[in-house]
C-alpha atoms as a PDB file:
ATOM      1  CA  MET A   1      -7.089 -23.969 -43.163  1.00  0.00           C
ATOM      2  CA  PRO A   2      -9.009 -21.860 -40.621  1.00  0.00           C
ATOM      3  CA  ALA A   3      -7.200 -21.015 -37.400  1.00  0.00           C
ATOM      4  CA  LYS A   4      -7.823 -23.506 -34.644  1.00  0.00           C
ATOM      5  CA  GLU A   5     -10.070 -22.255 -31.852  1.00  0.00           C
ATOM      6  CA  PRO A   6      -8.370 -21.884 -28.479  1.00  0.00           C
ATOM      7  CA  GLN A   7      -9.230 -24.439 -25.829  1.00  0.00           C
ATOM      8  CA  ARG A   8     -11.424 -22.851 -23.138  1.00  0.00           C
ATOM      9  CA  ILE A   9     -10.795 -23.762 -19.488  1.00  0.00           C
ATOM     10  CA  ARG A  10     -13.849 -22.692 -17.485  1.00  0.00           C
ATOM     11  CA  SER A  11     -12.894 -23.523 -13.908  1.00  0.00           C
ATOM     12  CA  ILE A  12      -9.884 -24.053 -11.696  1.00  0.00           C
ATOM     13  CA  SER A  13     -10.990 -27.669 -11.192  1.00  0.00           C
ATOM     14  CA  GLU A  14     -10.927 -28.189 -14.959  1.00  0.00           C
ATOM     15  CA  PHE A  15      -7.433 -26.653 -15.136  1.00  0.00           C
ATOM     16  CA  HIS A  16      -6.208 -29.083 -12.466  1.00  0.00           C
ATOM     17  CA  ARG A  17      -7.753 -32.004 -14.333  1.00  0.00           C
ATOM     18  CA  VAL A  18      -6.228 -31.004 -17.683  1.00  0.00           C
ATOM     19  CA  LYS A  19      -2.813 -30.482 -16.116  1.00  0.00           C
ATOM     20  CA  GLY A  20      -2.819 -33.792 -14.248  1.00  0.00           C
ATOM     21  CA  LEU A  21      -3.008 -32.215 -10.792  1.00  0.00           C
ATOM     22  CA  PRO A  22      -5.043 -33.365  -7.778  1.00  0.00           C
ATOM     23  CA  MET A  23      -8.369 -31.612  -7.375  1.00  0.00           C
ATOM     24  CA  PRO A  24      -7.917 -28.087  -5.947  1.00  0.00           C
ATOM     25  CA  GLU A  25      -8.147 -27.665  -2.174  1.00  0.00           C
ATOM     26  CA  HIS A  26     -10.326 -24.579  -2.705  1.00  0.00           C
ATOM     27  CA  PRO A  27     -12.733 -24.362  -5.677  1.00  0.00           C
ATOM     28  CA  LEU A  28     -12.034 -20.671  -6.385  1.00  0.00           C
ATOM     29  CA  ILE A  29      -8.299 -20.259  -5.833  1.00  0.00           C
ATOM     30  CA  SER A  30      -5.146 -22.327  -6.278  1.00  0.00           C
ATOM     31  CA  VAL A  31      -1.380 -21.855  -6.110  1.00  0.00           C
ATOM     32  CA  VAL A  32       0.369 -24.314  -8.426  1.00  0.00           C
ATOM     33  CA  ASN A  33       4.048 -25.160  -8.743  1.00  0.00           C
ATOM     34  CA  PHE A  34       5.144 -25.248 -12.392  1.00  0.00           C
ATOM     35  CA  ASP A  35       7.272 -28.311 -11.595  1.00  0.00           C
ATOM     36  CA  ASP A  36       4.069 -30.248 -10.801  1.00  0.00           C
ATOM     37  CA  LEU A  37       2.366 -29.583 -14.135  1.00  0.00           C
ATOM     38  CA  LYS A  38       1.924 -32.529 -16.430  1.00  0.00           C
ATOM     39  CA  ALA A  39       4.137 -32.529 -19.487  1.00  0.00           C
ATOM     40  CA  PHE A  40       2.241 -31.996 -22.719  1.00  0.00           C
ATOM     41  CA  ALA A  41       2.614 -32.299 -26.441  1.00  0.00           C
ATOM     42  CA  GLY A  42       0.890 -30.665 -29.352  1.00  0.00           C
ATOM     43  CA  GLY A  43      -0.485 -27.170 -29.843  1.00  0.00           C
ATOM     44  CA  ASP A  44      -3.474 -27.176 -27.480  1.00  0.00           C
ATOM     45  CA  GLU A  45      -1.335 -26.172 -24.523  1.00  0.00           C
ATOM     46  CA  LEU A  46      -0.087 -23.136 -26.412  1.00  0.00           C
ATOM     47  CA  HIS A  47      -3.488 -21.651 -27.267  1.00  0.00           C
ATOM     48  CA  ARG A  48      -6.002 -21.358 -24.422  1.00  0.00           C
ATOM     49  CA  VAL A  49      -8.591 -19.096 -22.845  1.00  0.00           C
ATOM     50  CA  TYR A  50      -9.206 -19.149 -19.102  1.00  0.00           C
ATOM     51  CA  ASP A  51     -12.425 -17.984 -17.410  1.00  0.00           C
ATOM     52  CA  PHE A  52     -10.456 -16.914 -14.339  1.00  0.00           C
ATOM     53  CA  TYR A  53      -7.502 -14.731 -13.388  1.00  0.00           C
ATOM     54  CA  SER A  54      -3.962 -16.076 -13.556  1.00  0.00           C
ATOM     55  CA  ILE A  55      -0.738 -14.609 -12.211  1.00  0.00           C
ATOM     56  CA  ALA A  56       2.460 -16.438 -13.115  1.00  0.00           C
ATOM     57  CA  LEU A  57       5.820 -16.075 -11.388  1.00  0.00           C
ATOM     58  CA  LYS A  58       8.346 -17.817 -13.638  1.00  0.00           C
ATOM     59  CA  ARG A  59      11.993 -18.562 -13.124  1.00  0.00           C
ATOM     60  CA  ASP A  60      14.617 -19.970 -15.498  1.00  0.00           C
ATOM     61  CA  PHE A  61      12.683 -18.823 -18.549  1.00  0.00           C
ATOM     62  CA  GLU A  62      14.454 -20.422 -21.487  1.00  0.00           C
ATOM     63  CA  GLY A  63      15.964 -18.109 -24.067  1.00  0.00           C
ATOM     64  CA  LYS A  64      15.492 -14.416 -24.664  1.00  0.00           C
ATOM     65  CA  PHE A  65      12.278 -12.721 -23.647  1.00  0.00           C
ATOM     66  CA  GLN A  66      10.814 -10.101 -25.947  1.00  0.00           C
ATOM     67  CA  TYR A  67       9.685  -6.989 -24.078  1.00  0.00           C
ATOM     68  CA  GLY A  68       7.908  -4.534 -26.370  1.00  0.00           C
ATOM     69  CA  GLN A  69      10.333  -4.132 -29.276  1.00  0.00           C
ATOM     70  CA  GLN A  70      13.354  -4.773 -27.084  1.00  0.00           C
ATOM     71  CA  GLN A  71      14.935  -8.022 -25.992  1.00  0.00           C
ATOM     72  CA  TYR A  72      16.060  -8.794 -22.466  1.00  0.00           C
ATOM     73  CA  ASP A  73      17.705 -11.821 -20.904  1.00  0.00           C
ATOM     74  CA  TYR A  74      16.988 -11.025 -17.260  1.00  0.00           C
ATOM     75  CA  ASP A  75      17.847 -13.775 -14.782  1.00  0.00           C
ATOM     76  CA  GLU A  76      15.397 -12.445 -12.206  1.00  0.00           C
ATOM     77  CA  GLY A  77      11.862 -13.712 -11.748  1.00  0.00           C
ATOM     78  CA  MET A  78       9.306 -12.709 -14.340  1.00  0.00           C
ATOM     79  CA  MET A  79       5.586 -12.128 -13.712  1.00  0.00           C
ATOM     80  CA  SER A  80       2.709 -12.087 -16.163  1.00  0.00           C
ATOM     81  CA  PHE A  81      -0.945 -11.293 -15.520  1.00  0.00           C
ATOM     82  CA  MET A  82      -4.074 -12.456 -17.350  1.00  0.00           C
ATOM     83  CA  SER A  83      -7.710 -11.635 -16.732  1.00  0.00           C
ATOM     84  CA  PRO A  84     -10.670 -13.879 -17.650  1.00  0.00           C
ATOM     85  CA  GLY A  85     -11.301 -14.231 -21.361  1.00  0.00           C
ATOM     86  CA  GLN A  86      -7.806 -13.363 -22.556  1.00  0.00           C
ATOM     87  CA  THR A  87      -6.089 -15.728 -24.963  1.00  0.00           C
ATOM     88  CA  LEU A  88      -2.847 -17.381 -23.907  1.00  0.00           C
ATOM     89  CA  ARG A  89      -0.553 -18.206 -26.815  1.00  0.00           C
ATOM     90  CA  ILE A  90       3.071 -19.241 -26.383  1.00  0.00           C
ATOM     91  CA  GLU A  91       5.317 -19.567 -29.409  1.00  0.00           C
ATOM     92  CA  LEU A  92       8.703 -21.249 -29.153  1.00  0.00           C
ATOM     93  CA  PRO A  93      11.285 -21.374 -31.944  1.00  0.00           C
ATOM     94  CA  ASP A  94      11.669 -25.159 -32.036  1.00  0.00           C
ATOM     95  CA  GLY A  95       8.148 -26.149 -30.956  1.00  0.00           C
ATOM     96  CA  ARG A  96       9.262 -27.645 -27.647  1.00  0.00           C
ATOM     97  CA  PRO A  97       7.093 -27.185 -24.537  1.00  0.00           C
ATOM     98  CA  PRO A  98       8.145 -24.172 -22.448  1.00  0.00           C
ATOM     99  CA  ARG A  99      10.575 -24.942 -19.633  1.00  0.00           C
ATOM    100  CA  HIS A 100      10.417 -22.823 -16.519  1.00  0.00           C
ATOM    101  CA  SER A 101       9.920 -23.153 -12.790  1.00  0.00           C
ATOM    102  CA  GLY A 102       8.005 -21.001 -10.361  1.00  0.00           C
ATOM    103  CA  LEU A 103       4.471 -20.528  -9.076  1.00  0.00           C
ATOM    104  CA  LEU A 104       1.127 -19.983 -10.762  1.00  0.00           C
ATOM    105  CA  LEU A 105      -1.790 -18.333  -8.947  1.00  0.00           C
ATOM    106  CA  LEU A 106      -5.304 -18.956 -10.274  1.00  0.00           C
ATOM    107  CA  PHE A 107      -8.403 -17.328  -8.832  1.00  0.00           C
ATOM    108  CA  HIS A 108     -11.978 -17.141 -10.061  1.00  0.00           C
ATOM    109  CA  PRO A 109     -13.903 -13.827 -10.170  1.00  0.00           C
ATOM    110  CA  ASP A 110     -16.522 -15.411  -7.866  1.00  0.00           C
ATOM    111  CA  LEU A 111     -13.938 -15.325  -5.064  1.00  0.00           C
ATOM    112  CA  LEU A 112     -14.176 -11.524  -5.096  1.00  0.00           C
ATOM    113  CA  TRP A 113     -17.970 -11.257  -4.752  1.00  0.00           C
ATOM    114  CA  HIS A 114     -19.095  -8.726  -2.138  1.00  0.00           C
ATOM    115  CA  THR A 115     -15.533  -7.484  -1.558  1.00  0.00           C
ATOM    116  CA  PRO A 116     -14.013  -4.084  -2.472  1.00  0.00           C
ATOM    117  CA  LEU A 117     -11.474  -5.839  -4.713  1.00  0.00           C
ATOM    118  CA  ALA A 118     -14.299  -6.975  -7.029  1.00  0.00           C
ATOM    119  CA  SER A 119     -14.576  -3.465  -8.424  1.00  0.00           C
ATOM    120  CA  CYS A 120     -11.110  -2.021  -7.843  1.00  0.00           C
ATOM    121  CA  ILE A 121      -9.264  -4.915  -9.500  1.00  0.00           C
ATOM    122  CA  LYS A 122     -10.028  -3.152 -12.786  1.00  0.00           C
ATOM    123  CA  GLN A 123      -7.667  -0.341 -11.774  1.00  0.00           C
ATOM    124  CA  TYR A 124      -4.678  -2.662 -12.175  1.00  0.00           C
ATOM    125  CA  ARG A 125      -3.841  -2.040 -15.820  1.00  0.00           C
ATOM    126  CA  PHE A 126      -1.260  -4.817 -16.003  1.00  0.00           C
ATOM    127  CA  PHE A 127      -4.058  -7.388 -16.417  1.00  0.00           C
ATOM    128  CA  ASP A 128      -4.574  -5.852 -19.864  1.00  0.00           C
ATOM    129  CA  TYR A 129      -0.900  -5.853 -20.832  1.00  0.00           C
ATOM    130  CA  ALA A 130       0.307  -8.195 -23.507  1.00  0.00           C
ATOM    131  CA  VAL A 131       2.562 -11.102 -22.625  1.00  0.00           C
ATOM    132  CA  ASN A 132       5.561  -9.149 -23.961  1.00  0.00           C
ATOM    133  CA  GLU A 133       4.960  -6.540 -21.277  1.00  0.00           C
ATOM    134  CA  ALA A 134       5.693  -8.804 -18.340  1.00  0.00           C
ATOM    135  CA  LEU A 135       7.083  -7.629 -15.014  1.00  0.00           C
ATOM    136  CA  PHE A 136      10.724  -8.416 -14.266  1.00  0.00           C
ATOM    137  CA  LEU A 137      11.554  -8.794 -10.581  1.00  0.00           C
ATOM    138  CA  SER A 138      14.723  -8.293  -8.599  1.00  0.00           C
ATOM    139  CA  GLU A 139      15.712 -10.999  -6.129  1.00  0.00           C
ATOM    140  CA  ASN A 140      14.158  -9.089  -3.216  1.00  0.00           C
ATOM    141  CA  GLU A 141      10.963  -8.376  -5.144  1.00  0.00           C
ATOM    142  CA  GLU A 142      10.647 -12.027  -6.129  1.00  0.00           C
ATOM    143  CA  SER A 143      11.059 -13.026  -2.485  1.00  0.00           C
ATOM    144  CA  THR A 144       8.225 -10.664  -1.504  1.00  0.00           C
ATOM    145  CA  ILE A 145       5.865 -12.027  -4.158  1.00  0.00           C
ATOM    146  CA  THR A 146       6.745 -15.647  -3.383  1.00  0.00           C
ATOM    147  CA  GLY A 147       6.054 -15.056   0.321  1.00  0.00           C
ATOM    148  CA  ILE A 148       2.573 -13.682  -0.376  1.00  0.00           C
ATOM    149  CA  LEU A 149       1.734 -16.549  -2.747  1.00  0.00           C
ATOM    150  CA  LEU A 150       2.732 -19.093  -0.114  1.00  0.00           C
ATOM    151  CA  GLN A 151       0.675 -17.256   2.529  1.00  0.00           C
ATOM    152  CA  ILE A 152      -2.355 -17.472   0.233  1.00  0.00           C
ATOM    153  CA  GLN A 153      -1.741 -21.187  -0.250  1.00  0.00           C
ATOM    154  CA  GLN A 154      -1.359 -21.720   3.500  1.00  0.00           C
ATOM    155  CA  GLU A 155      -4.604 -19.877   4.214  1.00  0.00           C
ATOM    156  CA  TYR A 156      -6.839 -21.824   1.823  1.00  0.00           C
ATOM    157  CA  ARG A 157      -5.361 -25.104   3.055  1.00  0.00           C
ATOM    158  CA  LYS A 158      -6.755 -24.402   6.520  1.00  0.00           C
ATOM    159  CA  ASN A 159     -10.306 -25.260   7.486  1.00  0.00           C
ATOM    160  CA  ILE A 160     -12.503 -22.676   5.759  1.00  0.00           C
ATOM    161  CA  ASP A 161     -14.357 -20.382   8.154  1.00  0.00           C
ATOM    162  CA  ARG A 162     -16.251 -17.110   7.881  1.00  0.00           C
ATOM    163  CA  LEU A 163     -13.011 -15.087   7.738  1.00  0.00           C
ATOM    164  CA  SER A 164     -11.250 -17.209   5.115  1.00  0.00           C
ATOM    165  CA  GLN A 165     -12.479 -15.226   2.104  1.00  0.00           C
ATOM    166  CA  LYS A 166     -11.683 -11.889   3.770  1.00  0.00           C
ATOM    167  CA  ILE A 167      -8.121 -12.939   4.600  1.00  0.00           C
ATOM    168  CA  ILE A 168      -7.430 -14.481   1.181  1.00  0.00           C
ATOM    169  CA  VAL A 169      -8.779 -11.440  -0.663  1.00  0.00           C
ATOM    170  CA  ALA A 170      -6.707  -9.140   1.576  1.00  0.00           C
ATOM    171  CA  GLN A 171      -3.607 -11.128   0.616  1.00  0.00           C
ATOM    172  CA  LEU A 172      -4.579 -10.878  -3.056  1.00  0.00           C
ATOM    173  CA  ASP A 173      -4.963  -7.126  -2.671  1.00  0.00           C
ATOM    174  CA  LEU A 174      -1.507  -6.940  -1.102  1.00  0.00           C
ATOM    175  CA  LEU A 175      -0.035  -8.978  -3.958  1.00  0.00           C
ATOM    176  CA  LEU A 176      -1.562  -6.635  -6.552  1.00  0.00           C
ATOM    177  CA  SER A 177      -0.396  -3.530  -4.686  1.00  0.00           C
ATOM    178  CA  TYR A 178       3.183  -4.808  -4.643  1.00  0.00           C
ATOM    179  CA  SER A 179       2.923  -5.700  -8.335  1.00  0.00           C
ATOM    180  CA  GLU A 180       1.796  -2.145  -9.101  1.00  0.00           C
ATOM    181  CA  ARG A 181       4.765  -0.775  -7.139  1.00  0.00           C
ATOM    182  CA  PHE A 182       7.205  -3.019  -8.985  1.00  0.00           C
ATOM    183  CA  TYR A 183       5.754  -2.046 -12.382  1.00  0.00           C
ATOM    184  CA  GLN A 184       6.281   1.624 -11.528  1.00  0.00           C
ATOM    185  CA  ARG A 185       9.861   0.810 -10.557  1.00  0.00           C
ATOM    186  CA  GLN A 186      10.321  -0.991 -13.864  1.00  0.00           C
ATOM    187  CA  PHE A 187       9.070   2.035 -15.793  1.00  0.00           C
ATOM    188  CA  ILE A 188      11.732   4.133 -14.063  1.00  0.00           C
ATOM    189  CA  THR A 189      14.686   1.715 -14.156  1.00  0.00           C
ATOM    190  CA  ARG A 190      14.342   0.861 -17.844  1.00  0.00           C
ATOM    191  CA  LYS A 191      15.106   4.472 -18.747  1.00  0.00           C
ATOM    192  CA  ALA A 192      17.104   3.815 -21.901  1.00  0.00           C
ATOM    193  CA  GLY A 193      14.371   1.772 -23.538  1.00  0.00           C
ATOM    194  CA  ASN A 194      11.650   4.090 -22.279  1.00  0.00           C
ATOM    195  CA  HIS A 195      13.378   7.143 -23.693  1.00  0.00           C
ATOM    196  CA  GLN A 196      13.674   5.367 -27.026  1.00  0.00           C
ATOM    197  CA  LEU A 197       9.926   4.805 -26.896  1.00  0.00           C
ATOM    198  CA  LEU A 198       9.365   8.515 -26.195  1.00  0.00           C
ATOM    199  CA  ASP A 199      11.542   9.417 -29.185  1.00  0.00           C
ATOM    200  CA  ARG A 200       9.587   7.026 -31.402  1.00  0.00           C
ATOM    201  CA  LEU A 201       6.298   8.474 -30.139  1.00  0.00           C
ATOM    202  CA  GLU A 202       7.458  12.017 -30.919  1.00  0.00           C
ATOM    203  CA  ASN A 203       8.587  11.023 -34.412  1.00  0.00           C
ATOM    204  CA  LEU A 204       5.356   9.136 -35.060  1.00  0.00           C
ATOM    205  CA  LEU A 205       3.161  12.083 -34.045  1.00  0.00           C
ATOM    206  CA  THR A 206       5.292  14.554 -36.015  1.00  0.00           C
ATOM    207  CA  ASP A 207       5.107  12.445 -39.176  1.00  0.00           C
ATOM    208  CA  TYR A 208       1.362  11.926 -38.725  1.00  0.00           C
ATOM    209  CA  PHE A 209       0.535  15.622 -38.280  1.00  0.00           C
ATOM    210  CA  ASP A 210       2.921  16.707 -41.050  1.00  0.00           C
ATOM    211  CA  GLY A 211       1.712  14.120 -43.560  1.00  0.00           C
ATOM    212  CA  ALA A 212      -1.488  13.218 -45.356  1.00  0.00           C
ATOM    213  CA  ASP A 213      -2.828  10.928 -42.618  1.00  0.00           C
ATOM    214  CA  ILE A 214      -4.227  13.785 -40.583  1.00  0.00           C
ATOM    215  CA  LEU A 215      -6.307  14.904 -43.589  1.00  0.00           C
ATOM    216  CA  ASN A 216      -7.381  11.431 -44.686  1.00  0.00           C
ATOM    217  CA  LYS A 217      -7.942   9.749 -41.318  1.00  0.00           C
ATOM    218  CA  GLY A 218      -8.475  12.537 -38.798  1.00  0.00           C
ATOM    219  CA  LEU A 219      -6.842  12.668 -35.397  1.00  0.00           C
ATOM    220  CA  PRO A 220      -4.805   9.560 -34.515  1.00  0.00           C
ATOM    221  CA  THR A 221      -6.427   7.281 -31.954  1.00  0.00           C
ATOM    222  CA  VAL A 222      -4.739   5.871 -28.870  1.00  0.00           C
ATOM    223  CA  ARG A 223      -5.134   2.394 -30.379  1.00  0.00           C
ATOM    224  CA  PHE A 224      -3.380   3.483 -33.589  1.00  0.00           C
ATOM    225  CA  ILE A 225      -0.465   4.969 -31.633  1.00  0.00           C
ATOM    226  CA  ALA A 226      -0.107   1.878 -29.428  1.00  0.00           C
ATOM    227  CA  ASP A 227      -0.268  -0.502 -32.402  1.00  0.00           C
ATOM    228  CA  SER A 228       2.329   1.568 -34.272  1.00  0.00           C
ATOM    229  CA  LEU A 229       4.658   1.346 -31.267  1.00  0.00           C
ATOM    230  CA  HIS A 230       3.968  -2.394 -30.844  1.00  0.00           C
ATOM    231  CA  THR A 231       2.564  -2.142 -27.344  1.00  0.00           C
ATOM    232  CA  SER A 232      -0.856  -2.175 -25.693  1.00  0.00           C
ATOM    233  CA  PRO A 233      -2.877   1.035 -25.136  1.00  0.00           C
ATOM    234  CA  ASP A 234      -3.027   0.614 -21.358  1.00  0.00           C
ATOM    235  CA  TYR A 235       0.669  -0.146 -21.014  1.00  0.00           C
ATOM    236  CA  LEU A 236       1.654   2.802 -23.212  1.00  0.00           C
ATOM    237  CA  SER A 237      -0.563   5.245 -21.316  1.00  0.00           C
ATOM    238  CA  GLY A 238       0.700   3.931 -17.968  1.00  0.00           C
ATOM    239  CA  LEU A 239       4.337   4.253 -19.050  1.00  0.00           C
ATOM    240  CA  LEU A 240       3.849   7.752 -20.481  1.00  0.00           C
ATOM    241  CA  LYS A 241       1.988   8.874 -17.363  1.00  0.00           C
ATOM    242  CA  GLU A 242       4.838   7.662 -15.186  1.00  0.00           C
ATOM    243  CA  LEU A 243       7.547   9.269 -17.366  1.00  0.00           C
ATOM    244  CA  THR A 244       5.905  12.530 -18.438  1.00  0.00           C
ATOM    245  CA  GLY A 245       2.746  13.016 -16.371  1.00  0.00           C
ATOM    246  CA  LEU A 246       0.641  12.780 -19.556  1.00  0.00           C
ATOM    247  CA  ASN A 247      -1.203   9.775 -20.976  1.00  0.00           C
ATOM    248  CA  THR A 248      -1.285   8.907 -24.690  1.00  0.00           C
ATOM    249  CA  GLN A 249      -4.401  10.957 -25.447  1.00  0.00           C
ATOM    250  CA  GLN A 250      -2.840  13.990 -23.778  1.00  0.00           C
ATOM    251  CA  HIS A 251       0.310  13.547 -25.878  1.00  0.00           C
ATOM    252  CA  ILE A 252      -1.840  13.515 -29.022  1.00  0.00           C
ATOM    253  CA  HIS A 253      -3.579  16.714 -27.910  1.00  0.00           C
ATOM    254  CA  GLN A 254      -0.237  18.303 -26.998  1.00  0.00           C
ATOM    255  CA  LYS A 255       1.079  17.687 -30.521  1.00  0.00           C
ATOM    256  CA  LEU A 256      -2.199  18.953 -31.995  1.00  0.00           C
ATOM    257  CA  ILE A 257      -2.000  22.229 -30.058  1.00  0.00           C
ATOM    258  CA  GLU A 258       1.670  22.626 -30.974  1.00  0.00           C
ATOM    259  CA  LYS A 259       0.870  22.295 -34.693  1.00  0.00           C
ATOM    260  CA  ALA A 260      -2.208  24.512 -34.436  1.00  0.00           C
ATOM    261  CA  LYS A 261      -0.199  27.274 -32.731  1.00  0.00           C
ATOM    262  CA  GLU A 262       2.384  27.034 -35.493  1.00  0.00           C
ATOM    263  CA  LYS A 263      -0.245  27.558 -38.196  1.00  0.00           C
ATOM    264  CA  LEU A 264      -2.072  30.291 -36.281  1.00  0.00           C
ATOM    265  CA  SER A 265       1.136  32.268 -35.813  1.00  0.00           C
ATOM    266  CA  THR A 266       2.845  31.728 -39.183  1.00  0.00           C
ATOM    267  CA  THR A 267       0.017  31.554 -41.772  1.00  0.00           C
ATOM    268  CA  ASN A 268      -3.048  33.530 -42.804  1.00  0.00           C
ATOM    269  CA  LEU A 269      -5.271  30.455 -42.858  1.00  0.00           C
ATOM    270  CA  SER A 270      -8.649  30.893 -41.188  1.00  0.00           C
ATOM    271  CA  VAL A 271      -9.449  29.067 -37.972  1.00  0.00           C
ATOM    272  CA  ALA A 272     -11.868  26.847 -39.911  1.00  0.00           C
ATOM    273  CA  GLU A 273      -9.162  25.945 -42.465  1.00  0.00           C
ATOM    274  CA  ILE A 274      -6.710  25.127 -39.697  1.00  0.00           C
ATOM    275  CA  ALA A 275      -9.352  23.000 -37.969  1.00  0.00           C
ATOM    276  CA  TYR A 276      -9.812  20.929 -41.142  1.00  0.00           C
ATOM    277  CA  LEU A 277      -6.034  20.583 -41.525  1.00  0.00           C
ATOM    278  CA  MET A 278      -5.913  19.310 -37.925  1.00  0.00           C
ATOM    279  CA  GLY A 279      -8.392  16.539 -38.725  1.00  0.00           C
ATOM    280  CA  PHE A 280     -11.586  18.146 -37.373  1.00  0.00           C
ATOM    281  CA  GLU A 281     -14.796  17.878 -39.351  1.00  0.00           C
ATOM    282  CA  HIS A 282     -16.400  20.615 -37.235  1.00  0.00           C
ATOM    283  CA  PRO A 283     -14.332  23.764 -36.523  1.00  0.00           C
ATOM    284  CA  PRO A 284     -16.185  24.547 -33.247  1.00  0.00           C
ATOM    285  CA  SER A 285     -14.862  21.269 -31.824  1.00  0.00           C
ATOM    286  CA  PHE A 286     -11.325  22.372 -32.635  1.00  0.00           C
ATOM    287  CA  SER A 287     -11.863  25.798 -31.066  1.00  0.00           C
ATOM    288  CA  LYS A 288     -13.341  24.230 -27.925  1.00  0.00           C
ATOM    289  CA  LEU A 289     -10.383  21.856 -27.486  1.00  0.00           C
ATOM    290  CA  PHE A 290      -7.861  24.621 -28.197  1.00  0.00           C
ATOM    291  CA  LYS A 291      -9.384  26.879 -25.547  1.00  0.00           C
ATOM    292  CA  ALA A 292      -9.581  24.030 -23.031  1.00  0.00           C
ATOM    293  CA  LYS A 293      -5.858  23.366 -23.486  1.00  0.00           C
ATOM    294  CA  THR A 294      -4.582  26.958 -23.722  1.00  0.00           C
ATOM    295  CA  SER A 295      -7.238  29.121 -21.978  1.00  0.00           C
ATOM    296  CA  GLN A 296      -7.428  31.128 -25.204  1.00  0.00           C
ATOM    297  CA  SER A 297      -9.554  30.793 -28.301  1.00  0.00           C
ATOM    298  CA  PRO A 298      -7.635  30.317 -31.575  1.00  0.00           C
ATOM    299  CA  LEU A 299      -8.423  33.915 -32.551  1.00  0.00           C
ATOM    300  CA  GLU A 300      -7.277  35.259 -29.177  1.00  0.00           C
ATOM    301  CA  PHE A 301      -4.025  33.332 -29.567  1.00  0.00           C
ATOM    302  CA  ARG A 302      -3.495  34.738 -33.092  1.00  0.00           C
ATOM    303  CA  GLN A 303      -4.301  38.288 -31.988  1.00  0.00           C
ATOM    304  CA  SER A 304      -1.685  38.062 -29.237  1.00  0.00           C
ATOM    305  CA  PHE A 305       0.914  38.169 -32.022  1.00  0.00           C
ATOM    306  CA  GLY A 306      -0.555  41.364 -33.526  1.00  0.00           C
END
């Protein structure tokens, strides 16, 4: 049987209607308490696409939560972020509806029209992270996020005036800035798991450049590396940047230059032959990248050993 299409929810009003909530007090933004959501049955609830942003702050998440390839049972609050058009799919071992409490923020892209956040919201990479790359919050961090969500709710419940949008969007911006800070903290505090990821990345790149893949497939892509490490490209690059100062593409180039230097200094292969071995169809492209990364041409590097 073909896979069932996800149910598309096009507006915040439609979300409220489907979930058995009163109509939203503002058409473009809503803060919802998970305890108020209508109970559901069946698979529709577990496979949906929203045409608006959603930020969930969940508590009492039942069971273990898979984070990348590691499993955590944090008691603290957990946040997840989704941008319009992403598919929400929740899988539970026994098929029961998910049980959790907390707050859910929904806001439509139209709310951001003619504001700086309309363009800069794309800089927040966590909207592209997979659900298994959620943000875990300490008690103090959760209190900060909850306070901002309640301020947003309080603001849109007032009589709307010409400053309402400006104030609400400013509070949204503050919420996203704190979320970015807490993600950076998470990158740092989960050192053991992050270092394991770095080790796996190093082993993956070494095996790729030493094996037949580099000849058959060319240079590895960021997508290939992320998929092999079971994470998303944006999350992986963000984590690597925080830990090492280099994104995924720069790590690929670093390994490439390392292998190229090895062949230039220990073999008599021509620069063109080495370029082909490094996955380049056109040797000048290899030479250009090598010089950009080392300030020397491949020949200049080789001659420095003469």
